[in-house]
């Protein structure tokens, strides 16, 4: 390889980026706290939405009443 190509190739390579600065302890606690809050909030929302009231537990599920569950979920028969 000619010398002028080697020097131009070496000069076109960007220097390695500096490592990112570490986050402060306060920032780390805030991020972890918000993640835990979101996990708990979404878990509670999931539990609340899937709980069945005892009065309605004796009733048949809504999906079993319609033709959607009876025909295997096919929309072609509608």
PDB file of N, CA and C in Angstrom:
ATOM      1  N   UNK A   1       0.845  -1.169   0.000  1.00  0.00           N
ATOM      2  CA  UNK A   1       0.000   0.000   0.000  1.00  0.00           C
ATOM      3  C   UNK A   1       0.898   1.242   0.000  1.00  0.00           C
ATOM      4  N   UNK A   2       0.612   2.220  -0.845  1.00  0.00           N
ATOM      5  CA  UNK A   2       1.436   3.432  -0.883  1.00  0.00           C
ATOM      6  C   UNK A   2       1.374   4.184   0.445  1.00  0.00           C
ATOM      7  N   UNK A   3       2.393   4.936   0.706  1.00  0.00           N
ATOM      8  CA  UNK A   3       2.512   5.662   1.978  1.00  0.00           C
ATOM      9  C   UNK A   3       1.419   6.713   2.134  1.00  0.00           C
ATOM     10  N   UNK A   4       1.027   7.367   1.033  1.00  0.00           N
ATOM     11  CA  UNK A   4       0.017   8.423   1.159  1.00  0.00           C
ATOM     12  C   UNK A   4      -1.357   7.849   1.513  1.00  0.00           C
ATOM     13  N   UNK A   5      -1.673   6.603   1.064  1.00  0.00           N
ATOM     14  CA  UNK A   5      -2.949   5.990   1.423  1.00  0.00           C
ATOM     15  C   UNK A   5      -2.951   5.566   2.895  1.00  0.00           C
ATOM     16  N   UNK A   6      -1.821   5.073   3.371  1.00  0.00           N
ATOM     17  CA  UNK A   6      -1.753   4.662   4.777  1.00  0.00           C
ATOM     18  C   UNK A   6      -1.913   5.858   5.697  1.00  0.00           C
ATOM     19  N   UNK A   7      -1.306   6.949   5.377  1.00  0.00           N
ATOM     20  CA  UNK A   7      -1.389   8.125   6.250  1.00  0.00           C
ATOM     21  C   UNK A   7      -2.796   8.732   6.210  1.00  0.00           C
ATOM     22  N   UNK A   8      -3.446   8.711   5.041  1.00  0.00           N
ATOM     23  CA  UNK A   8      -4.806   9.265   4.977  1.00  0.00           C
ATOM     24  C   UNK A   8      -5.793   8.353   5.685  1.00  0.00           C
ATOM     25  N   UNK A   9      -5.579   7.034   5.616  1.00  0.00           N
ATOM     26  CA  UNK A   9      -6.463   6.103   6.315  1.00  0.00           C
ATOM     27  C   UNK A   9      -6.293   6.230   7.817  1.00  0.00           C
ATOM     28  N   UNK A  10      -5.083   6.408   8.274  1.00  0.00           N
ATOM     29  CA  UNK A  10      -4.839   6.542   9.708  1.00  0.00           C
ATOM     30  C   UNK A  10      -5.401   7.848  10.237  1.00  0.00           C
ATOM     31  N   UNK A  11      -5.362   8.902   9.452  1.00  0.00           N
ATOM     32  CA  UNK A  11      -5.865  10.187   9.919  1.00  0.00           C
ATOM     33  C   UNK A  11      -7.390  10.260   9.871  1.00  0.00           C
ATOM     34  N   UNK A  12      -8.030   9.392   9.068  1.00  0.00           N
ATOM     35  CA  UNK A  12      -9.487   9.442   8.975  1.00  0.00           C
ATOM     36  C   UNK A  12     -10.172   8.665  10.094  1.00  0.00           C
ATOM     37  N   UNK A  13      -9.409   7.860  10.842  1.00  0.00           N
ATOM     38  CA  UNK A  13      -9.988   7.104  11.947  1.00  0.00           C
ATOM     39  C   UNK A  13     -10.176   8.041  13.129  1.00  0.00           C
ATOM     40  N   UNK A  14     -11.401   8.095  13.643  1.00  0.00           N
ATOM     41  CA  UNK A  14     -11.687   8.981  14.763  1.00  0.00           C
ATOM     42  C   UNK A  14     -11.106   8.398  16.048  1.00  0.00           C
ATOM     43  N   UNK A  15     -10.651   9.249  16.948  1.00  0.00           N
ATOM     44  CA  UNK A  15     -10.126   8.737  18.217  1.00  0.00           C
ATOM     45  C   UNK A  15     -11.255   8.109  19.034  1.00  0.00           C
ATOM     46  N   UNK A  16     -10.888   7.192  19.919  1.00  0.00           N
ATOM     47  CA  UNK A  16     -11.889   6.507  20.735  1.00  0.00           C
ATOM     48  C   UNK A  16     -12.610   7.524  21.612  1.00  0.00           C
ATOM     49  N   UNK A  17     -13.915   7.330  21.760  1.00  0.00           N
ATOM     50  CA  UNK A  17     -14.704   8.245  22.572  1.00  0.00           C
ATOM     51  C   UNK A  17     -14.335   8.061  24.041  1.00  0.00           C
ATOM     52  N   UNK A  18     -14.427   9.146  24.769  1.00  0.00           N
ATOM     53  CA  UNK A  18     -14.124   9.091  26.199  1.00  0.00           C
ATOM     54  C   UNK A  18     -15.212   8.286  26.908  1.00  0.00           C
ATOM     55  N   UNK A  19     -14.866   7.532  27.920  1.00  0.00           N
ATOM     56  CA  UNK A  19     -15.887   6.754  28.633  1.00  0.00           C
ATOM     57  C   UNK A  19     -16.889   7.688  29.305  1.00  0.00           C
ATOM     58  N   UNK A  20     -18.140   7.273  29.373  1.00  0.00           N
ATOM     59  CA  UNK A  20     -19.155   8.146  29.968  1.00  0.00           C
ATOM     60  C   UNK A  20     -18.887   8.341  31.463  1.00  0.00           C
ATOM     61  N   UNK A  21     -19.251   9.500  31.938  1.00  0.00           N
ATOM     62  CA  UNK A  21     -19.050   9.802  33.354  1.00  0.00           C
ATOM     63  C   UNK A  21     -20.035   8.992  34.188  1.00  0.00           C
ATOM     64  N   UNK A  22     -19.628   8.506  35.337  1.00  0.00           N
ATOM     65  CA  UNK A  22     -20.552   7.739  36.174  1.00  0.00           C
ATOM     66  C   UNK A  22     -21.665   8.638  36.699  1.00  0.00           C
ATOM     67  N   UNK A  23     -22.827   8.061  36.883  1.00  0.00           N
ATOM     68  CA  UNK A  23     -23.951   8.845  37.389  1.00  0.00           C
ATOM     69  C   UNK A  23     -23.819   9.008  38.894  1.00  0.00           C
ATOM     70  N   UNK A  24     -24.433  10.035  39.389  1.00  0.00           N
ATOM     71  CA  UNK A  24     -24.356  10.284  40.823  1.00  0.00           C
ATOM     72  C   UNK A  24     -25.238   9.288  41.567  1.00  0.00           C
ATOM     73  N   UNK A  25     -24.987   9.160  42.849  1.00  0.00           N
ATOM     74  CA  UNK A  25     -25.762   8.228  43.677  1.00  0.00           C
ATOM     75  C   UNK A  25     -27.229   8.660  43.736  1.00  0.00           C
ATOM     76  N   UNK A  26     -27.450   9.953  43.772  1.00  0.00           N
ATOM     77  CA  UNK A  26     -28.824  10.476  43.821  1.00  0.00           C
ATOM     78  C   UNK A  26     -29.589  10.121  42.550  1.00  0.00           C
ATOM     79  N   UNK A  27     -28.934  10.219  41.408  1.00  0.00           N
ATOM     80  CA  UNK A  27     -29.569   9.874  40.138  1.00  0.00           C
ATOM     81  C   UNK A  27     -29.874   8.387  40.079  1.00  0.00           C
ATOM     82  N   UNK A  28     -28.951   7.568  40.525  1.00  0.00           N
ATOM     83  CA  UNK A  28     -29.160   6.119  40.509  1.00  0.00           C
ATOM     84  C   UNK A  28     -30.331   5.728  41.398  1.00  0.00           C
ATOM     85  N   UNK A  29     -30.432   6.334  42.579  1.00  0.00           N
ATOM     86  CA  UNK A  29     -31.540   6.036  43.486  1.00  0.00           C
ATOM     87  C   UNK A  29     -32.858   6.489  42.874  1.00  0.00           C
ATOM     88  N   UNK A  30     -32.861   7.633  42.202  1.00  0.00           N
ATOM     89  CA  UNK A  30     -34.087   8.130  41.572  1.00  0.00           C
ATOM     90  C   UNK A  30     -34.543   7.200  40.449  1.00  0.00           C
ATOM     91  N   UNK A  31     -33.617   6.726  39.643  1.00  0.00           N
ATOM     92  CA  UNK A  31     -33.964   5.827  38.541  1.00  0.00           C
ATOM     93  C   UNK A  31     -34.474   4.498  39.081  1.00  0.00           C
ATOM     94  N   UNK A  32     -33.775   3.928  40.049  1.00  0.00           N
ATOM     95  CA  UNK A  32     -34.213   2.653  40.626  1.00  0.00           C
ATOM     96  C   UNK A  32     -35.556   2.794  41.339  1.00  0.00           C
ATOM     97  N   UNK A  33     -35.744   3.892  42.036  1.00  0.00           N
ATOM     98  CA  UNK A  33     -37.021   4.124  42.720  1.00  0.00           C
ATOM     99  C   UNK A  33     -38.174   4.242  41.753  1.00  0.00           C
ATOM    100  N   UNK A  34     -37.966   4.955  40.663  1.00  0.00           N
ATOM    101  CA  UNK A  34     -39.048   5.102  39.679  1.00  0.00           C
ATOM    102  C   UNK A  34     -39.328   3.776  38.974  1.00  0.00           C
ATOM    103  N   UNK A  35     -38.287   2.978  38.740  1.00  0.00           N
ATOM    104  CA  UNK A  35     -38.506   1.663  38.130  1.00  0.00           C
ATOM    105  C   UNK A  35     -39.309   0.761  39.059  1.00  0.00           C
ATOM    106  N   UNK A  36     -38.958   0.747  40.342  1.00  0.00           N
ATOM    107  CA  UNK A  36     -39.713  -0.068  41.299  1.00  0.00           C
ATOM    108  C   UNK A  36     -41.152   0.402  41.416  1.00  0.00           C
ATOM    109  N   UNK A  37     -41.353   1.720  41.419  1.00  0.00           N
ATOM    110  CA  UNK A  37     -42.718   2.256  41.482  1.00  0.00           C
ATOM    111  C   UNK A  37     -43.534   1.820  40.275  1.00  0.00           C
ATOM    112  N   UNK A  38     -42.953   1.896  39.087  1.00  0.00           N
ATOM    113  CA  UNK A  38     -43.676   1.493  37.879  1.00  0.00           C
ATOM    114  C   UNK A  38     -43.978   0.002  37.890  1.00  0.00           C
ATOM    115  N   UNK A  39     -43.045  -0.812  38.342  1.00  0.00           N
ATOM    116  CA  UNK A  39     -43.277  -2.257  38.411  1.00  0.00           C
ATOM    117  C   UNK A  39     -44.423  -2.559  39.362  1.00  0.00           C
ATOM    118  N   UNK A  40     -44.406  -1.946  40.536  1.00  0.00           N
ATOM    119  CA  UNK A  40     -45.482  -2.173  41.506  1.00  0.00           C
ATOM    120  C   UNK A  40     -46.824  -1.660  40.994  1.00  0.00           C
ATOM    121  N   UNK A  41     -46.826  -0.469  40.396  1.00  0.00           N
ATOM    122  CA  UNK A  41     -48.077   0.102  39.893  1.00  0.00           C
ATOM    123  C   UNK A  41     -48.673  -0.766  38.785  1.00  0.00           C
ATOM    124  N   UNK A  42     -47.840  -1.235  37.865  1.00  0.00           N
ATOM    125  CA  UNK A  42     -48.347  -2.062  36.776  1.00  0.00           C
ATOM    126  C   UNK A  42     -48.796  -3.436  37.273  1.00  0.00           C
ATOM    127  N   UNK A  43     -48.099  -3.970  38.287  1.00  0.00           N
ATOM    128  CA  UNK A  43     -48.520  -5.243  38.871  1.00  0.00           C
ATOM    129  C   UNK A  43     -49.874  -5.104  39.544  1.00  0.00           C
ATOM    130  N   UNK A  44     -50.050  -4.031  40.313  1.00  0.00           N
ATOM    131  CA  UNK A  44     -51.344  -3.800  40.961  1.00  0.00           C
ATOM    132  C   UNK A  44     -52.452  -3.602  39.930  1.00  0.00           C
ATOM    133  N   UNK A  45     -52.163  -2.902  38.853  1.00  0.00           N
ATOM    134  CA  UNK A  45     -53.157  -2.706  37.795  1.00  0.00           C
ATOM    135  C   UNK A  45     -53.527  -4.033  37.143  1.00  0.00           C
ATOM    136  N   UNK A  46     -52.547  -4.887  36.912  1.00  0.00           N
ATOM    137  CA  UNK A  46     -52.808  -6.190  36.324  1.00  0.00           C
ATOM    138  C   UNK A  46     -53.652  -7.054  37.262  1.00  0.00           C
ATOM    139  N   UNK A  47     -53.308  -7.055  38.535  1.00  0.00           N
ATOM    140  CA  UNK A  47     -54.067  -7.852  39.505  1.00  0.00           C
ATOM    141  C   UNK A  47     -55.496  -7.330  39.613  1.00  0.00           C
ATOM    142  N   UNK A  48     -55.649  -6.015  39.665  1.00  0.00           N
ATOM    143  CA  UNK A  48     -56.984  -5.422  39.788  1.00  0.00           C
ATOM    144  C   UNK A  48     -57.840  -5.736  38.559  1.00  0.00           C
ATOM    145  N   UNK A  49     -57.247  -5.715  37.385  1.00  0.00           N
ATOM    146  CA  UNK A  49     -58.032  -5.946  36.171  1.00  0.00           C
ATOM    147  C   UNK A  49     -58.369  -7.420  35.958  1.00  0.00           C
ATOM    148  N   UNK A  50     -57.615  -8.328  36.587  1.00  0.00           N
ATOM    149  CA  UNK A  50     -57.885  -9.747  36.377  1.00  0.00           C
ATOM    150  C   UNK A  50     -58.687 -10.381  37.504  1.00  0.00           C
ATOM    151  N   UNK A  51     -58.878  -9.672  38.600  1.00  0.00           N
ATOM    152  CA  UNK A  51     -59.676 -10.225  39.690  1.00  0.00           C
ATOM    153  C   UNK A  51     -61.144 -10.323  39.280  1.00  0.00           C
ATOM    154  N   UNK A  52     -61.797 -11.376  39.710  1.00  0.00           N
ATOM    155  CA  UNK A  52     -63.211 -11.573  39.405  1.00  0.00           C
ATOM    156  C   UNK A  52     -63.985 -11.378  40.697  1.00  0.00           C
ATOM    157  N   UNK A  53     -65.057 -10.611  40.622  1.00  0.00           N
ATOM    158  CA  UNK A  53     -65.896 -10.425  41.793  1.00  0.00           C
ATOM    159  C   UNK A  53     -66.619 -11.731  42.099  1.00  0.00           C
ATOM    160  N   UNK A  54     -66.797 -12.072  43.375  1.00  0.00           N
ATOM    161  CA  UNK A  54     -67.458 -13.328  43.723  1.00  0.00           C
ATOM    162  C   UNK A  54     -68.876 -13.439  43.154  1.00  0.00           C
ATOM    163  N   UNK A  55     -69.581 -12.335  43.026  1.00  0.00           N
ATOM    164  CA  UNK A  55     -70.954 -12.379  42.509  1.00  0.00           C
ATOM    165  C   UNK A  55     -70.974 -12.764  41.029  1.00  0.00           C
ATOM    166  N   UNK A  56     -69.976 -12.348  40.277  1.00  0.00           N
ATOM    167  CA  UNK A  56     -69.956 -12.642  38.849  1.00  0.00           C
ATOM    168  C   UNK A  56     -69.198 -13.926  38.529  1.00  0.00           C
ATOM    169  N   UNK A  57     -68.631 -14.582  39.534  1.00  0.00           N
ATOM    170  CA  UNK A  57     -67.866 -15.799  39.279  1.00  0.00           C
ATOM    171  C   UNK A  57     -68.764 -16.948  38.837  1.00  0.00           C
ATOM    172  N   UNK A  58     -70.050 -16.916  39.203  1.00  0.00           N
ATOM    173  CA  UNK A  58     -70.964 -17.989  38.817  1.00  0.00           C
ATOM    174  C   UNK A  58     -71.440 -17.832  37.381  1.00  0.00           C
ATOM    175  N   UNK A  59     -71.266 -16.646  36.803  1.00  0.00           N
ATOM    176  CA  UNK A  59     -71.706 -16.404  35.431  1.00  0.00           C
ATOM    177  C   UNK A  59     -70.678 -16.962  34.448  1.00  0.00           C
ATOM    178  N   UNK A  60     -71.154 -17.287  33.259  1.00  0.00           N
ATOM    179  CA  UNK A  60     -70.248 -17.766  32.208  1.00  0.00           C
ATOM    180  C   UNK A  60     -69.398 -16.602  31.705  1.00  0.00           C
ATOM    181  N   UNK A  61     -68.158 -16.869  31.324  1.00  0.00           N
ATOM    182  CA  UNK A  61     -67.331 -15.799  30.764  1.00  0.00           C
ATOM    183  C   UNK A  61     -67.956 -15.224  29.501  1.00  0.00           C
ATOM    184  N   UNK A  62     -67.680 -13.977  29.237  1.00  0.00           N
ATOM    185  CA  UNK A  62     -68.275 -13.286  28.086  1.00  0.00           C
ATOM    186  C   UNK A  62     -67.862 -13.957  26.781  1.00  0.00           C
ATOM    187  N   UNK A  63     -66.617 -14.385  26.656  1.00  0.00           N
ATOM    188  CA  UNK A  63     -66.135 -15.004  25.414  1.00  0.00           C
ATOM    189  C   UNK A  63     -66.852 -16.320  25.140  1.00  0.00           C
ATOM    190  N   UNK A  64     -67.238 -17.046  26.178  1.00  0.00           N
ATOM    191  CA  UNK A  64     -67.907 -18.328  25.971  1.00  0.00           C
ATOM    192  C   UNK A  64     -69.350 -18.138  25.522  1.00  0.00           C
ATOM    193  N   UNK A  65     -69.947 -16.984  25.756  1.00  0.00           N
ATOM    194  CA  UNK A  65     -71.331 -16.738  25.387  1.00  0.00           C
ATOM    195  C   UNK A  65     -71.477 -16.445  23.887  1.00  0.00           C
ATOM    196  N   UNK A  66     -70.505 -15.788  23.300  1.00  0.00           N
ATOM    197  CA  UNK A  66     -70.625 -15.388  21.899  1.00  0.00           C
ATOM    198  C   UNK A  66     -70.196 -16.479  20.939  1.00  0.00           C
ATOM    199  N   UNK A  67     -70.370 -16.208  19.652  1.00  0.00           N
ATOM    200  CA  UNK A  67     -70.002 -17.186  18.634  1.00  0.00           C
ATOM    201  C   UNK A  67     -68.506 -17.168  18.363  1.00  0.00           C
ATOM    202  N   UNK A  68     -67.808 -16.147  18.842  1.00  0.00           N
ATOM    203  CA  UNK A  68     -66.369 -16.049  18.589  1.00  0.00           C
ATOM    204  C   UNK A  68     -65.630 -17.242  19.184  1.00  0.00           C
ATOM    205  N   UNK A  69     -65.977 -17.633  20.422  1.00  0.00           N
ATOM    206  CA  UNK A  69     -65.320 -18.769  21.051  1.00  0.00           C
ATOM    207  C   UNK A  69     -65.838 -20.090  20.483  1.00  0.00           C
ATOM    208  N   UNK A  70     -67.069 -20.116  20.055  1.00  0.00           N
ATOM    209  CA  UNK A  70     -67.651 -21.347  19.550  1.00  0.00           C
ATOM    210  C   UNK A  70     -67.084 -21.787  18.220  1.00  0.00           C
ATOM    211  N   UNK A  71     -66.688 -20.826  17.375  1.00  0.00           N
ATOM    212  CA  UNK A  71     -66.163 -21.201  16.055  1.00  0.00           C
ATOM    213  C   UNK A  71     -64.631 -21.191  16.031  1.00  0.00           C
ATOM    214  N   UNK A  72     -64.019 -21.269  17.187  1.00  0.00           N
ATOM    215  CA  UNK A  72     -62.553 -21.331  17.247  1.00  0.00           C
ATOM    216  C   UNK A  72     -61.892 -19.992  17.043  1.00  0.00           C
ATOM    217  N   UNK A  73     -62.626 -18.923  17.150  1.00  0.00           N
ATOM    218  CA  UNK A  73     -62.040 -17.603  17.032  1.00  0.00           C
ATOM    219  C   UNK A  73     -61.992 -17.088  15.614  1.00  0.00           C
ATOM    220  N   UNK A  74     -62.611 -17.757  14.681  1.00  0.00           N
ATOM    221  CA  UNK A  74     -62.560 -17.322  13.287  1.00  0.00           C
ATOM    222  C   UNK A  74     -63.490 -16.143  13.061  1.00  0.00           C
ATOM    223  N   UNK A  75     -63.005 -15.160  12.363  1.00  0.00           N
ATOM    224  CA  UNK A  75     -63.825 -14.012  12.023  1.00  0.00           C
ATOM    225  C   UNK A  75     -64.484 -14.196  10.639  1.00  0.00           C
ATOM    226  N   UNK A  76     -64.178 -15.257   9.947  1.00  0.00           N
ATOM    227  CA  UNK A  76     -64.705 -15.461   8.611  1.00  0.00           C
ATOM    228  C   UNK A  76     -66.201 -15.770   8.633  1.00  0.00           C
ATOM    229  N   UNK A  77     -66.711 -16.271   9.718  1.00  0.00           N
ATOM    230  CA  UNK A  77     -68.126 -16.636   9.795  1.00  0.00           C
ATOM    231  C   UNK A  77     -69.006 -15.480  10.234  1.00  0.00           C
ATOM    232  N   UNK A  78     -68.456 -14.356  10.418  1.00  0.00           N
ATOM    233  CA  UNK A  78     -69.250 -13.202  10.892  1.00  0.00           C
ATOM    234  C   UNK A  78     -69.793 -12.413   9.743  1.00  0.00           C
TER     235      UNK A  78
END
